[in-house]
Amino acid sequence: MFGGGGGMNPQKMKQMMNQMGIDLTEIDAEEVIIRTANEEMVFHEADVQQMDAQGQSTYQIVGEPDVRPRGESEEAADEADGDDDGESGDAGGIPDSDIEIVAGRTGASAEEAREALEAVDGDLAAAVERLE
C-alpha cells in the first residue's frame, strides 16, 4: 500500500496512517474460521488486525490454517486423523463440545442444541441459525 515502506519507522508509518484516516486495531482472537462452499479454514492462535478506513473495515489474518471439509467438526477431523482425544458424545454421534458451542451461542438448553444439531446432521452453523 505504501510501496517500499519495509524500512520505514513504525512510528512514522502509524502517523501517516492516522493522517490518512486509517485506524489499525489488534484483535485478541482465539480462533478464526473461514467457510467456503466446500471447506473450512480454521486459524488457531492467529494474529488478527482490523483496519478501518473510509467507513470500511478490513481484517488481516496471519497464521497457518487447518483445512477441513465444510460441516465437519474439529473432533470428527481429529478422529479421521486418528487423534481421538476420548471426548464422548451421545449415541447419535453429536459430540458434547458441539452441543456446548450451540447452546452457548444461542442460549438454548443442551437438549434443544442436541436436537438442532441432529436435525442438521451436526452442522454447527446451521444448528445455531435454526435456534436463533
C-alpha atoms as a PDB file:
ATOM      1  CA  MET A   1       0.000   0.000   0.000  1.00  0.00           C
ATOM      2  CA  PHE A   2       2.868   2.363   0.780  1.00  0.00           C
ATOM      3  CA  GLY A   3       5.290   0.942  -1.793  1.00  0.00           C
ATOM      4  CA  GLY A   4       8.737   0.220  -0.399  1.00  0.00           C
ATOM      5  CA  GLY A   5       7.823   1.074   3.196  1.00  0.00           C
ATOM      6  CA  GLY A   6       9.614  -2.011   4.513  1.00  0.00           C
ATOM      7  CA  GLY A   7      12.373   0.112   6.047  1.00  0.00           C
ATOM      8  CA  MET A   8      10.051   2.832   7.333  1.00  0.00           C
ATOM      9  CA  ASN A   9       9.980   3.692  11.005  1.00  0.00           C
ATOM     10  CA  PRO A  10       6.850   2.090  12.568  1.00  0.00           C
ATOM     11  CA  GLN A  11       6.112   5.341  14.419  1.00  0.00           C
ATOM     12  CA  LYS A  12       6.220   7.283  11.119  1.00  0.00           C
ATOM     13  CA  MET A  13       4.013   4.647   9.444  1.00  0.00           C
ATOM     14  CA  LYS A  14       1.423   4.960  12.207  1.00  0.00           C
ATOM     15  CA  GLN A  15       1.498   8.760  11.924  1.00  0.00           C
ATOM     16  CA  MET A  16       0.949   8.570   8.145  1.00  0.00           C
ATOM     17  CA  MET A  17      -1.946   6.136   8.587  1.00  0.00           C
ATOM     18  CA  ASN A  18      -3.572   8.442  11.150  1.00  0.00           C
ATOM     19  CA  GLN A  19      -3.233  11.391   8.759  1.00  0.00           C
ATOM     20  CA  MET A  20      -4.991   9.364   6.069  1.00  0.00           C
ATOM     21  CA  GLY A  21      -7.809   8.446   8.466  1.00  0.00           C
ATOM     22  CA  ILE A  22      -6.778   4.807   8.824  1.00  0.00           C
ATOM     23  CA  ASP A  23      -7.209   3.213  12.252  1.00  0.00           C
ATOM     24  CA  LEU A  24      -5.414  -0.076  12.936  1.00  0.00           C
ATOM     25  CA  THR A  25      -6.509  -2.275  15.867  1.00  0.00           C
ATOM     26  CA  GLU A  26      -5.072  -5.580  17.090  1.00  0.00           C
ATOM     27  CA  ILE A  27      -7.770  -8.172  17.844  1.00  0.00           C
ATOM     28  CA  ASP A  28      -7.059 -10.793  20.509  1.00  0.00           C
ATOM     29  CA  ALA A  29      -8.708 -13.631  18.563  1.00  0.00           C
ATOM     30  CA  GLU A  30      -8.746 -17.177  19.896  1.00  0.00           C
ATOM     31  CA  GLU A  31      -9.884 -18.719  16.615  1.00  0.00           C
ATOM     32  CA  VAL A  32     -10.855 -17.563  13.118  1.00  0.00           C
ATOM     33  CA  ILE A  33     -12.955 -19.732  10.795  1.00  0.00           C
ATOM     34  CA  ILE A  34     -13.397 -19.021   7.085  1.00  0.00           C
ATOM     35  CA  ARG A  35     -16.134 -21.107   5.472  1.00  0.00           C
ATOM     36  CA  THR A  36     -16.310 -21.668   1.739  1.00  0.00           C
ATOM     37  CA  ALA A  37     -18.833 -23.798  -0.110  1.00  0.00           C
ATOM     38  CA  ASN A  38     -16.692 -26.910   0.340  1.00  0.00           C
ATOM     39  CA  GLU A  39     -14.281 -26.381   3.220  1.00  0.00           C
ATOM     40  CA  GLU A  40     -13.476 -24.552   6.417  1.00  0.00           C
ATOM     41  CA  MET A  41     -10.130 -22.913   7.156  1.00  0.00           C
ATOM     42  CA  VAL A  42      -9.602 -22.769  10.916  1.00  0.00           C
ATOM     43  CA  PHE A  43      -6.893 -20.459  12.234  1.00  0.00           C
ATOM     44  CA  HIS A  44      -5.893 -21.198  15.847  1.00  0.00           C
ATOM     45  CA  GLU A  45      -3.882 -18.522  17.653  1.00  0.00           C
ATOM     46  CA  ALA A  46      -3.887 -16.272  14.577  1.00  0.00           C
ATOM     47  CA  ASP A  47      -2.697 -12.668  14.617  1.00  0.00           C
ATOM     48  CA  VAL A  48      -5.678 -10.543  13.556  1.00  0.00           C
ATOM     49  CA  GLN A  49      -5.708  -6.835  12.754  1.00  0.00           C
ATOM     50  CA  GLN A  50      -8.711  -4.676  11.922  1.00  0.00           C
ATOM     51  CA  MET A  51      -8.116  -1.673   9.715  1.00  0.00           C
ATOM     52  CA  ASP A  52     -10.836   0.984   9.483  1.00  0.00           C
ATOM     53  CA  ALA A  53     -10.571   3.394   6.564  1.00  0.00           C
ATOM     54  CA  GLN A  54     -13.237   5.494   4.859  1.00  0.00           C
ATOM     55  CA  GLY A  55     -16.080   3.709   6.632  1.00  0.00           C
ATOM     56  CA  GLN A  56     -14.878   0.232   5.649  1.00  0.00           C
ATOM     57  CA  SER A  57     -13.363  -2.399   7.929  1.00  0.00           C
ATOM     58  CA  THR A  58     -10.708  -4.729   6.585  1.00  0.00           C
ATOM     59  CA  TYR A  59      -9.366  -7.691   8.536  1.00  0.00           C
ATOM     60  CA  GLN A  60      -5.922  -9.212   8.155  1.00  0.00           C
ATOM     61  CA  ILE A  61      -5.311 -12.737   9.434  1.00  0.00           C
ATOM     62  CA  VAL A  62      -1.773 -14.049   9.832  1.00  0.00           C
ATOM     63  CA  GLY A  63      -1.332 -17.712  10.645  1.00  0.00           C
ATOM     64  CA  GLU A  64      -1.465 -21.238   9.279  1.00  0.00           C
ATOM     65  CA  PRO A  65      -4.980 -22.697   8.976  1.00  0.00           C
ATOM     66  CA  ASP A  66      -6.181 -26.249   9.470  1.00  0.00           C
ATOM     67  CA  VAL A  67      -8.308 -27.081   6.426  1.00  0.00           C
ATOM     68  CA  ARG A  68     -11.233 -29.479   6.770  1.00  0.00           C
ATOM     69  CA  PRO A  69     -14.352 -30.354   4.770  1.00  0.00           C
ATOM     70  CA  ARG A  70     -17.250 -27.992   5.443  1.00  0.00           C
ATOM     71  CA  GLY A  71     -19.503 -29.014   8.319  1.00  0.00           C
ATOM     72  CA  GLU A  72     -17.009 -31.474   9.768  1.00  0.00           C
ATOM     73  CA  SER A  73     -16.419 -30.700  13.425  1.00  0.00           C
ATOM     74  CA  GLU A  74     -12.897 -30.438  14.788  1.00  0.00           C
ATOM     75  CA  GLU A  75     -13.407 -33.650  16.765  1.00  0.00           C
ATOM     76  CA  ALA A  76     -14.518 -35.515  13.639  1.00  0.00           C
ATOM     77  CA  ALA A  77     -11.456 -34.217  11.798  1.00  0.00           C
ATOM     78  CA  ASP A  78      -9.242 -35.388  14.673  1.00  0.00           C
ATOM     79  CA  GLU A  79     -10.894 -38.828  14.641  1.00  0.00           C
ATOM     80  CA  ALA A  80     -10.353 -39.084  10.887  1.00  0.00           C
ATOM     81  CA  ASP A  81      -6.680 -38.305  11.510  1.00  0.00           C
ATOM     82  CA  GLY A  82      -6.561 -40.866  14.334  1.00  0.00           C
ATOM     83  CA  ASP A  83      -6.229 -38.171  17.015  1.00  0.00           C
ATOM     84  CA  ASP A  84      -9.273 -39.155  19.074  1.00  0.00           C
ATOM     85  CA  ASP A  85      -8.952 -37.385  22.411  1.00  0.00           C
ATOM     86  CA  GLY A  86     -11.600 -39.556  24.052  1.00  0.00           C
ATOM     87  CA  GLU A  87     -14.247 -36.841  24.131  1.00  0.00           C
ATOM     88  CA  SER A  88     -17.605 -38.516  24.215  1.00  0.00           C
ATOM     89  CA  GLY A  89     -20.894 -37.680  22.604  1.00  0.00           C
ATOM     90  CA  ASP A  90     -24.269 -39.336  22.791  1.00  0.00           C
ATOM     91  CA  ALA A  91     -25.406 -42.390  20.855  1.00  0.00           C
ATOM     92  CA  GLY A  92     -26.411 -40.099  17.966  1.00  0.00           C
ATOM     93  CA  GLY A  93     -22.779 -39.186  17.347  1.00  0.00           C
ATOM     94  CA  ILE A  94     -23.073 -35.479  18.239  1.00  0.00           C
ATOM     95  CA  PRO A  95     -20.008 -34.506  20.314  1.00  0.00           C
ATOM     96  CA  ASP A  96     -20.724 -32.885  23.674  1.00  0.00           C
ATOM     97  CA  SER A  97     -18.433 -29.991  22.742  1.00  0.00           C
ATOM     98  CA  ASP A  98     -20.621 -29.195  19.687  1.00  0.00           C
ATOM     99  CA  ILE A  99     -23.714 -29.203  21.897  1.00  0.00           C
ATOM    100  CA  GLU A 100     -21.992 -26.812  24.319  1.00  0.00           C
ATOM    101  CA  ILE A 101     -20.979 -24.479  21.479  1.00  0.00           C
ATOM    102  CA  VAL A 102     -24.503 -24.296  20.040  1.00  0.00           C
ATOM    103  CA  ALA A 103     -26.108 -23.905  23.479  1.00  0.00           C
ATOM    104  CA  GLY A 104     -23.612 -21.207  24.447  1.00  0.00           C
ATOM    105  CA  ARG A 105     -24.087 -19.206  21.243  1.00  0.00           C
ATOM    106  CA  THR A 106     -27.882 -19.357  21.264  1.00  0.00           C
ATOM    107  CA  GLY A 107     -28.810 -19.568  24.950  1.00  0.00           C
ATOM    108  CA  ALA A 108     -30.721 -22.776  24.223  1.00  0.00           C
ATOM    109  CA  SER A 109     -30.727 -25.764  26.571  1.00  0.00           C
ATOM    110  CA  ALA A 110     -28.385 -28.666  25.900  1.00  0.00           C
ATOM    111  CA  GLU A 111     -31.318 -30.798  24.764  1.00  0.00           C
ATOM    112  CA  GLU A 112     -32.523 -28.122  22.321  1.00  0.00           C
ATOM    113  CA  ALA A 113     -28.981 -27.744  20.992  1.00  0.00           C
ATOM    114  CA  ARG A 114     -28.671 -31.532  20.556  1.00  0.00           C
ATOM    115  CA  GLU A 115     -31.995 -31.709  18.689  1.00  0.00           C
ATOM    116  CA  ALA A 116     -30.989 -28.835  16.401  1.00  0.00           C
ATOM    117  CA  LEU A 117     -27.628 -30.473  15.647  1.00  0.00           C
ATOM    118  CA  GLU A 118     -29.290 -33.814  14.911  1.00  0.00           C
ATOM    119  CA  ALA A 119     -31.789 -32.115  12.587  1.00  0.00           C
ATOM    120  CA  VAL A 120     -28.972 -30.595  10.517  1.00  0.00           C
ATOM    121  CA  ASP A 121     -26.593 -33.594  10.615  1.00  0.00           C
ATOM    122  CA  GLY A 122     -24.148 -31.938  13.028  1.00  0.00           C
ATOM    123  CA  ASP A 123     -23.634 -28.674  11.068  1.00  0.00           C
ATOM    124  CA  LEU A 124     -22.779 -26.149  13.816  1.00  0.00           C
ATOM    125  CA  ALA A 125     -23.604 -23.036  11.794  1.00  0.00           C
ATOM    126  CA  ALA A 126     -26.945 -24.432  10.607  1.00  0.00           C
ATOM    127  CA  ALA A 127     -27.869 -25.506  14.156  1.00  0.00           C
ATOM    128  CA  VAL A 128     -27.113 -22.023  15.534  1.00  0.00           C
ATOM    129  CA  GLU A 129     -29.103 -20.430  12.728  1.00  0.00           C
ATOM    130  CA  ARG A 130     -32.003 -22.789  13.380  1.00  0.00           C
ATOM    131  CA  LEU A 131     -32.176 -21.795  17.063  1.00  0.00           C
ATOM    132  CA  GLU A 132     -31.760 -18.031  16.563  1.00  0.00           C
END
